[in-house]
Amino acid sequence: MIVEQPLVLSPKGHLKLIIFDCDGVLVDSEETCCRISAEEARRVGMNVPDDQAVKVFSGMALPGIQHMIEKETGAQLGKDWASMMQKRFVAAMKNGVEPIEGVYDMLNNIQKLGVPVRVASNSSQEEMDAKFSITNLEHFFENRIHSARDMGIPKPKPDVYLKAAEEEGVSPSECLVLEDSDTGARAAVDAGMTCVMLRADEKPIPEWENILRINSLSQFASLVQKALQLQGH
């Protein structure tokens, strides 16, 4: 029902910007990065099997992963650990990244609707450049990418989403975010934005205000189109 829709999707709303997370929404490199993190965890005594790596590390920024491993093991990974891991991630992207199913059609449809788009991710700019180059997505987001890692303020803090809105010159209430992790969704909601979560129906989503679910990228453009029609566009 329309009355249940968050403001940015309602007839009284003003949808002016769509912000995408990167991993799990546009590209699928999370399993690769989480597996590398699990390898590092096991190296210092934290037992994280590869088949549990995504469950343990999904959505986490490298400083958070480092803190978790150090807390669990008592090991000191060092001040250069995150930079070393970032280089491993970038190198792994050459073979370990694929576009999310339906991403090209979805982005083309959003482009036709005329809503500006940006990316806000916990990945570094260098990582995202590699991911988007390999998957041929860079032309959708040229000069419109924001890295929480490079800002030094990773999700779940909302700063990277607020930065994207600021750069576009719109208010947070005029933004729609597409996320797949609870960490990212928390950042979006705390930024004052509406968040659509890409998640299978059998998996729960957080019971927060301004959260919606889709289970396929094919559903996203029609959601946006409906909102624009309601708002007279």
C-alpha atoms as a PDB file:
ATOM      1  CA  MET A   1       0.000   0.000   0.000  1.00  0.00           C
ATOM      2  CA  ILE A   2       1.181   3.503  -0.788  1.00  0.00           C
ATOM      3  CA  VAL A   3       0.686   4.735   2.778  1.00  0.00           C
ATOM      4  CA  GLU A   4       3.196   2.140   3.952  1.00  0.00           C
ATOM      5  CA  GLN A   5       5.872   3.260   1.516  1.00  0.00           C
ATOM      6  CA  PRO A   6       8.814   5.293   2.838  1.00  0.00           C
ATOM      7  CA  LEU A   7       8.574   8.971   1.948  1.00  0.00           C
ATOM      8  CA  VAL A   8      11.114   8.905  -0.902  1.00  0.00           C
ATOM      9  CA  LEU A   9       8.927   6.347  -2.724  1.00  0.00           C
ATOM     10  CA  SER A  10       5.572   7.952  -1.896  1.00  0.00           C
ATOM     11  CA  PRO A  11       3.572  10.517  -3.883  1.00  0.00           C
ATOM     12  CA  LYS A  12       4.785  13.227  -1.477  1.00  0.00           C
ATOM     13  CA  GLY A  13       8.426  12.214  -1.842  1.00  0.00           C
ATOM     14  CA  HIS A  14      11.170  13.525  -4.104  1.00  0.00           C
ATOM     15  CA  LEU A  15      13.459  10.795  -5.414  1.00  0.00           C
ATOM     16  CA  LYS A  16      16.562  12.578  -6.684  1.00  0.00           C
ATOM     17  CA  LEU A  17      19.452  10.145  -6.200  1.00  0.00           C
ATOM     18  CA  ILE A  18      20.048   6.394  -6.142  1.00  0.00           C
ATOM     19  CA  ILE A  19      23.119   5.179  -4.263  1.00  0.00           C
ATOM     20  CA  PHE A  20      24.411   1.655  -4.774  1.00  0.00           C
ATOM     21  CA  ASP A  21      26.589  -0.424  -2.540  1.00  0.00           C
ATOM     22  CA  CYS A  22      29.190  -2.308  -4.571  1.00  0.00           C
ATOM     23  CA  ASP A  23      29.775  -5.900  -3.436  1.00  0.00           C
ATOM     24  CA  GLY A  24      26.694  -8.063  -3.472  1.00  0.00           C
ATOM     25  CA  VAL A  25      24.670  -5.436  -5.345  1.00  0.00           C
ATOM     26  CA  LEU A  26      26.645  -4.633  -8.492  1.00  0.00           C
ATOM     27  CA  VAL A  27      29.471  -7.146  -8.453  1.00  0.00           C
ATOM     28  CA  ASP A  28      30.074 -10.448  -6.712  1.00  0.00           C
ATOM     29  CA  SER A  29      33.543 -10.348  -5.204  1.00  0.00           C
ATOM     30  CA  GLU A  30      32.536 -10.682  -1.560  1.00  0.00           C
ATOM     31  CA  GLU A  31      33.129 -14.432  -1.422  1.00  0.00           C
ATOM     32  CA  THR A  32      36.642 -13.964  -2.746  1.00  0.00           C
ATOM     33  CA  CYS A  33      37.486 -11.182  -0.304  1.00  0.00           C
ATOM     34  CA  CYS A  34      35.929 -13.003   2.655  1.00  0.00           C
ATOM     35  CA  ARG A  35      37.844 -16.181   1.781  1.00  0.00           C
ATOM     36  CA  ILE A  36      41.127 -14.231   1.767  1.00  0.00           C
ATOM     37  CA  SER A  37      40.191 -12.764   5.153  1.00  0.00           C
ATOM     38  CA  ALA A  38      39.464 -16.278   6.456  1.00  0.00           C
ATOM     39  CA  GLU A  39      42.889 -17.444   5.269  1.00  0.00           C
ATOM     40  CA  GLU A  40      44.494 -14.626   7.237  1.00  0.00           C
ATOM     41  CA  ALA A  41      42.366 -15.403  10.295  1.00  0.00           C
ATOM     42  CA  ARG A  42      43.413 -19.064  10.244  1.00  0.00           C
ATOM     43  CA  ARG A  43      47.054 -18.053   9.861  1.00  0.00           C
ATOM     44  CA  VAL A  44      46.988 -16.491  13.329  1.00  0.00           C
ATOM     45  CA  GLY A  45      44.758 -19.065  14.985  1.00  0.00           C
ATOM     46  CA  MET A  46      41.143 -18.020  14.351  1.00  0.00           C
ATOM     47  CA  ASN A  47      39.219 -20.955  12.930  1.00  0.00           C
ATOM     48  CA  VAL A  48      37.079 -19.633  10.072  1.00  0.00           C
ATOM     49  CA  PRO A  49      36.470 -22.294   7.400  1.00  0.00           C
ATOM     50  CA  ASP A  50      36.091 -21.036   3.837  1.00  0.00           C
ATOM     51  CA  ASP A  51      32.429 -22.065   3.785  1.00  0.00           C
ATOM     52  CA  GLN A  52      31.778 -19.780   6.794  1.00  0.00           C
ATOM     53  CA  ALA A  53      33.851 -16.833   5.568  1.00  0.00           C
ATOM     54  CA  VAL A  54      30.983 -14.807   4.087  1.00  0.00           C
ATOM     55  CA  LYS A  55      28.829 -15.362   7.182  1.00  0.00           C
ATOM     56  CA  VAL A  56      31.624 -14.130   9.457  1.00  0.00           C
ATOM     57  CA  PHE A  57      33.069 -11.236   7.434  1.00  0.00           C
ATOM     58  CA  SER A  58      30.229 -10.061   5.139  1.00  0.00           C
ATOM     59  CA  GLY A  59      29.850  -6.290   4.994  1.00  0.00           C
ATOM     60  CA  MET A  60      32.828  -5.602   7.249  1.00  0.00           C
ATOM     61  CA  ALA A  61      35.554  -3.087   6.451  1.00  0.00           C
ATOM     62  CA  LEU A  62      39.165  -4.177   6.822  1.00  0.00           C
ATOM     63  CA  PRO A  63      39.767  -2.290  10.108  1.00  0.00           C
ATOM     64  CA  GLY A  64      36.789  -4.110  11.585  1.00  0.00           C
ATOM     65  CA  ILE A  65      38.049  -7.467  10.330  1.00  0.00           C
ATOM     66  CA  GLN A  66      41.468  -6.726  11.795  1.00  0.00           C
ATOM     67  CA  HIS A  67      39.935  -5.809  15.155  1.00  0.00           C
ATOM     68  CA  MET A  68      37.859  -9.017  15.192  1.00  0.00           C
ATOM     69  CA  ILE A  69      40.838 -11.248  14.402  1.00  0.00           C
ATOM     70  CA  GLU A  70      43.055  -9.536  16.947  1.00  0.00           C
ATOM     71  CA  LYS A  71      40.372  -9.746  19.632  1.00  0.00           C
ATOM     72  CA  GLU A  72      39.731 -13.440  18.955  1.00  0.00           C
ATOM     73  CA  THR A  73      43.382 -14.495  18.780  1.00  0.00           C
ATOM     74  CA  GLY A  74      45.400 -11.970  20.749  1.00  0.00           C
ATOM     75  CA  ALA A  75      47.603 -11.535  17.691  1.00  0.00           C
ATOM     76  CA  GLN A  76      48.866  -8.125  16.606  1.00  0.00           C
ATOM     77  CA  LEU A  77      48.500  -7.882  12.846  1.00  0.00           C
ATOM     78  CA  GLY A  78      50.242  -4.530  12.594  1.00  0.00           C
ATOM     79  CA  LYS A  79      49.425  -1.091  11.243  1.00  0.00           C
ATOM     80  CA  ASP A  80      50.110  -2.121   7.638  1.00  0.00           C
ATOM     81  CA  TRP A  81      47.836  -5.183   7.666  1.00  0.00           C
ATOM     82  CA  ALA A  82      44.797  -3.471   6.117  1.00  0.00           C
ATOM     83  CA  SER A  83      46.898  -2.000   3.298  1.00  0.00           C
ATOM     84  CA  MET A  84      48.456  -5.394   2.626  1.00  0.00           C
ATOM     85  CA  MET A  85      45.018  -7.010   2.518  1.00  0.00           C
ATOM     86  CA  GLN A  86      43.707  -4.331   0.180  1.00  0.00           C
ATOM     87  CA  LYS A  87      46.515  -5.137  -2.265  1.00  0.00           C
ATOM     88  CA  ARG A  88      45.599  -8.837  -2.060  1.00  0.00           C
ATOM     89  CA  PHE A  89      41.959  -7.998  -2.757  1.00  0.00           C
ATOM     90  CA  VAL A  90      42.846  -5.898  -5.813  1.00  0.00           C
ATOM     91  CA  ALA A  91      45.085  -8.659  -7.179  1.00  0.00           C
ATOM     92  CA  ALA A  92      42.337 -11.236  -6.623  1.00  0.00           C
ATOM     93  CA  MET A  93      39.837  -9.147  -8.579  1.00  0.00           C
ATOM     94  CA  LYS A  94      41.531 -10.199 -11.830  1.00  0.00           C
ATOM     95  CA  ASN A  95      40.007 -13.641 -11.436  1.00  0.00           C
ATOM     96  CA  GLY A  96      37.512 -13.410  -8.596  1.00  0.00           C
ATOM     97  CA  VAL A  97      34.791 -10.954  -9.589  1.00  0.00           C
ATOM     98  CA  GLU A  98      31.594 -11.359 -11.591  1.00  0.00           C
ATOM     99  CA  PRO A  99      28.663  -9.008 -12.265  1.00  0.00           C
ATOM    100  CA  ILE A 100      25.551  -9.669 -10.199  1.00  0.00           C
ATOM    101  CA  GLU A 101      22.881 -11.325 -12.339  1.00  0.00           C
ATOM    102  CA  GLY A 102      20.723  -8.708 -14.030  1.00  0.00           C
ATOM    103  CA  VAL A 103      22.965  -5.746 -13.210  1.00  0.00           C
ATOM    104  CA  TYR A 104      23.395  -4.489 -16.798  1.00  0.00           C
ATOM    105  CA  ASP A 105      19.675  -4.476 -17.558  1.00  0.00           C
ATOM    106  CA  MET A 106      18.911  -2.856 -14.214  1.00  0.00           C
ATOM    107  CA  LEU A 107      21.433  -0.042 -14.676  1.00  0.00           C
ATOM    108  CA  ASN A 108      20.346   0.588 -18.262  1.00  0.00           C
ATOM    109  CA  ASN A 109      16.727   0.842 -17.109  1.00  0.00           C
ATOM    110  CA  ILE A 110      17.626   3.206 -14.269  1.00  0.00           C
ATOM    111  CA  GLN A 111      19.610   5.305 -16.740  1.00  0.00           C
ATOM    112  CA  LYS A 112      16.539   5.571 -18.977  1.00  0.00           C
ATOM    113  CA  LEU A 113      14.495   6.805 -16.004  1.00  0.00           C
ATOM    114  CA  GLY A 114      16.920   9.709 -15.614  1.00  0.00           C
ATOM    115  CA  VAL A 115      17.673   9.383 -11.892  1.00  0.00           C
ATOM    116  CA  PRO A 116      21.327  10.166 -11.037  1.00  0.00           C
ATOM    117  CA  VAL A 117      23.317   7.317  -9.510  1.00  0.00           C
ATOM    118  CA  ARG A 118      26.352   7.026  -7.254  1.00  0.00           C
ATOM    119  CA  VAL A 119      28.250   4.236  -5.505  1.00  0.00           C
ATOM    120  CA  ALA A 120      29.136   4.248  -1.800  1.00  0.00           C
ATOM    121  CA  SER A 121      31.132   1.272  -0.570  1.00  0.00           C
ATOM    122  CA  ASN A 122      33.464   0.050   2.147  1.00  0.00           C
ATOM    123  CA  SER A 123      35.832  -1.019  -0.635  1.00  0.00           C
ATOM    124  CA  SER A 124      38.736   1.221  -1.571  1.00  0.00           C
ATOM    125  CA  GLN A 125      38.644   3.312  -4.718  1.00  0.00           C
ATOM    126  CA  GLU A 126      41.409   1.128  -6.128  1.00  0.00           C
ATOM    127  CA  GLU A 127      39.384  -2.035  -5.499  1.00  0.00           C
ATOM    128  CA  MET A 128      36.256  -0.584  -7.086  1.00  0.00           C
ATOM    129  CA  ASP A 129      38.165   0.667 -10.125  1.00  0.00           C
ATOM    130  CA  ALA A 130      39.429  -2.888 -10.663  1.00  0.00           C
ATOM    131  CA  LYS A 131      36.003  -4.466 -10.121  1.00  0.00           C
ATOM    132  CA  PHE A 132      34.182  -2.073 -12.432  1.00  0.00           C
ATOM    133  CA  SER A 133      36.837  -2.280 -15.133  1.00  0.00           C
ATOM    134  CA  ILE A 134      36.754  -6.089 -15.221  1.00  0.00           C
ATOM    135  CA  THR A 135      32.938  -6.196 -15.261  1.00  0.00           C
ATOM    136  CA  ASN A 136      32.571  -3.290 -17.734  1.00  0.00           C
ATOM    137  CA  LEU A 137      30.527  -1.185 -15.322  1.00  0.00           C
ATOM    138  CA  GLU A 138      32.811   1.835 -15.061  1.00  0.00           C
ATOM    139  CA  HIS A 139      30.900   3.941 -17.609  1.00  0.00           C
ATOM    140  CA  PHE A 140      27.837   3.950 -15.358  1.00  0.00           C
ATOM    141  CA  PHE A 141      29.681   5.541 -12.428  1.00  0.00           C
ATOM    142  CA  GLU A 142      32.512   7.661 -13.795  1.00  0.00           C
ATOM    143  CA  ASN A 143      33.587  10.184 -11.107  1.00  0.00           C
ATOM    144  CA  ARG A 144      30.603   9.167  -8.981  1.00  0.00           C
ATOM    145  CA  ILE A 145      32.223   6.642  -6.625  1.00  0.00           C
ATOM    146  CA  HIS A 146      32.734   7.120  -2.881  1.00  0.00           C
ATOM    147  CA  SER A 147      34.965   4.941  -0.709  1.00  0.00           C
ATOM    148  CA  ALA A 148      34.310   4.717   3.011  1.00  0.00           C
ATOM    149  CA  ARG A 149      37.690   3.033   3.396  1.00  0.00           C
ATOM    150  CA  ASP A 150      39.504   5.929   1.761  1.00  0.00           C
ATOM    151  CA  MET A 151      37.518   8.346   3.941  1.00  0.00           C
ATOM    152  CA  GLY A 152      38.603   6.382   7.012  1.00  0.00           C
ATOM    153  CA  ILE A 153      34.981   6.127   8.192  1.00  0.00           C
ATOM    154  CA  PRO A 154      33.580   2.723   7.193  1.00  0.00           C
ATOM    155  CA  LYS A 155      29.991   1.585   7.362  1.00  0.00           C
ATOM    156  CA  PRO A 156      27.975   1.107   9.565  1.00  0.00           C
ATOM    157  CA  LYS A 157      28.772   4.780  10.086  1.00  0.00           C
ATOM    158  CA  PRO A 158      26.672   6.803   7.634  1.00  0.00           C
ATOM    159  CA  ASP A 159      29.339   9.243   6.459  1.00  0.00           C
ATOM    160  CA  VAL A 160      29.959   7.741   3.017  1.00  0.00           C
ATOM    161  CA  TYR A 161      26.250   7.939   2.171  1.00  0.00           C
ATOM    162  CA  LEU A 162      26.026  11.488   3.468  1.00  0.00           C
ATOM    163  CA  LYS A 163      29.049  12.388   1.346  1.00  0.00           C
ATOM    164  CA  ALA A 164      27.377  10.993  -1.775  1.00  0.00           C
ATOM    165  CA  ALA A 165      24.240  13.047  -1.120  1.00  0.00           C
ATOM    166  CA  GLU A 166      26.302  16.166  -0.436  1.00  0.00           C
ATOM    167  CA  GLU A 167      28.229  15.771  -3.692  1.00  0.00           C
ATOM    168  CA  GLU A 168      24.955  15.421  -5.601  1.00  0.00           C
ATOM    169  CA  GLY A 169      23.466  18.449  -3.826  1.00  0.00           C
ATOM    170  CA  VAL A 170      20.437  16.594  -2.469  1.00  0.00           C
ATOM    171  CA  SER A 171      19.126  15.857   1.008  1.00  0.00           C
ATOM    172  CA  PRO A 172      19.342  12.364   2.535  1.00  0.00           C
ATOM    173  CA  SER A 173      15.547  12.093   2.483  1.00  0.00           C
ATOM    174  CA  GLU A 174      15.690  12.373  -1.322  1.00  0.00           C
ATOM    175  CA  CYS A 175      18.002   9.342  -1.663  1.00  0.00           C
ATOM    176  CA  LEU A 176      17.271   5.671  -2.254  1.00  0.00           C
ATOM    177  CA  VAL A 177      19.989   3.153  -1.345  1.00  0.00           C
ATOM    178  CA  LEU A 178      20.387  -0.393  -2.648  1.00  0.00           C
ATOM    179  CA  GLU A 179      22.245  -2.625  -0.182  1.00  0.00           C
ATOM    180  CA  ASP A 180      22.696  -6.293   0.608  1.00  0.00           C
ATOM    181  CA  SER A 181      24.286  -6.291   4.093  1.00  0.00           C
ATOM    182  CA  ASP A 182      22.912  -5.314   7.490  1.00  0.00           C
ATOM    183  CA  THR A 183      26.039  -3.209   8.022  1.00  0.00           C
ATOM    184  CA  GLY A 184      25.356  -1.151   4.912  1.00  0.00           C
ATOM    185  CA  ALA A 185      21.633  -0.914   5.591  1.00  0.00           C
ATOM    186  CA  ARG A 186      22.356   0.445   9.066  1.00  0.00           C
ATOM    187  CA  ALA A 187      24.564   3.130   7.524  1.00  0.00           C
ATOM    188  CA  ALA A 188      21.857   4.093   5.025  1.00  0.00           C
ATOM    189  CA  VAL A 189      19.084   4.282   7.603  1.00  0.00           C
ATOM    190  CA  ASP A 190      21.269   6.258  10.021  1.00  0.00           C
ATOM    191  CA  ALA A 191      21.999   8.673   7.163  1.00  0.00           C
ATOM    192  CA  GLY A 192      18.266   9.344   6.947  1.00  0.00           C
ATOM    193  CA  MET A 193      17.812   7.478   3.674  1.00  0.00           C
ATOM    194  CA  THR A 194      15.430   4.770   2.500  1.00  0.00           C
ATOM    195  CA  CYS A 195      17.147   1.431   1.928  1.00  0.00           C
ATOM    196  CA  VAL A 196      16.130  -1.375  -0.401  1.00  0.00           C
ATOM    197  CA  MET A 197      17.800  -4.648   0.527  1.00  0.00           C
ATOM    198  CA  LEU A 198      18.645  -7.213  -2.133  1.00  0.00           C
ATOM    199  CA  ARG A 199      18.048 -10.417  -0.223  1.00  0.00           C
ATOM    200  CA  ALA A 200      16.388 -13.791  -0.777  1.00  0.00           C
ATOM    201  CA  ASP A 201      12.923 -14.184   0.702  1.00  0.00           C
ATOM    202  CA  GLU A 202      13.991 -16.927   3.089  1.00  0.00           C
ATOM    203  CA  LYS A 203      16.593 -14.696   4.740  1.00  0.00           C
ATOM    204  CA  PRO A 204      15.363 -12.103   7.268  1.00  0.00           C
ATOM    205  CA  ILE A 205      15.951  -8.380   6.949  1.00  0.00           C
ATOM    206  CA  PRO A 206      16.332  -5.983   9.887  1.00  0.00           C
ATOM    207  CA  GLU A 207      13.109  -4.686  11.426  1.00  0.00           C
ATOM    208  CA  TRP A 208      14.001  -1.031  10.988  1.00  0.00           C
ATOM    209  CA  GLU A 209      12.012   1.843   9.531  1.00  0.00           C
ATOM    210  CA  ASN A 210      12.617   2.749   5.876  1.00  0.00           C
ATOM    211  CA  ILE A 211      13.723  -0.764   4.880  1.00  0.00           C
ATOM    212  CA  LEU A 212      12.289  -2.637   1.895  1.00  0.00           C
ATOM    213  CA  ARG A 213      13.231  -5.940   0.269  1.00  0.00           C
ATOM    214  CA  ILE A 214      13.679  -7.140  -3.282  1.00  0.00           C
ATOM    215  CA  ASN A 215      14.929 -10.635  -4.086  1.00  0.00           C
ATOM    216  CA  SER A 216      16.182  -9.876  -7.594  1.00  0.00           C
ATOM    217  CA  LEU A 217      17.759  -6.903  -9.361  1.00  0.00           C
ATOM    218  CA  SER A 218      15.036  -7.236 -11.980  1.00  0.00           C
ATOM    219  CA  GLN A 219      12.589  -5.783  -9.437  1.00  0.00           C
ATOM    220  CA  PHE A 220      14.520  -2.601  -8.687  1.00  0.00           C
ATOM    221  CA  ALA A 221      13.934  -0.451 -11.774  1.00  0.00           C
ATOM    222  CA  SER A 222      10.182  -1.058 -11.653  1.00  0.00           C
ATOM    223  CA  LEU A 223      10.159   0.036  -7.992  1.00  0.00           C
ATOM    224  CA  VAL A 224      11.908   3.256  -8.964  1.00  0.00           C
ATOM    225  CA  GLN A 225       9.656   3.786 -11.993  1.00  0.00           C
ATOM    226  CA  LYS A 226       6.530   3.404  -9.884  1.00  0.00           C
ATOM    227  CA  ALA A 227       7.810   5.966  -7.367  1.00  0.00           C
ATOM    228  CA  LEU A 228       8.600   8.473 -10.106  1.00  0.00           C
ATOM    229  CA  GLN A 229       5.150   8.010 -11.618  1.00  0.00           C
ATOM    230  CA  LEU A 230       3.515   8.597  -8.234  1.00  0.00           C
ATOM    231  CA  GLN A 231       5.559  11.766  -7.885  1.00  0.00           C
ATOM    232  CA  GLY A 232       4.456  13.064 -11.295  1.00  0.00           C
ATOM    233  CA  HIS A 233       7.604  12.413 -13.302  1.00  0.00           C
END
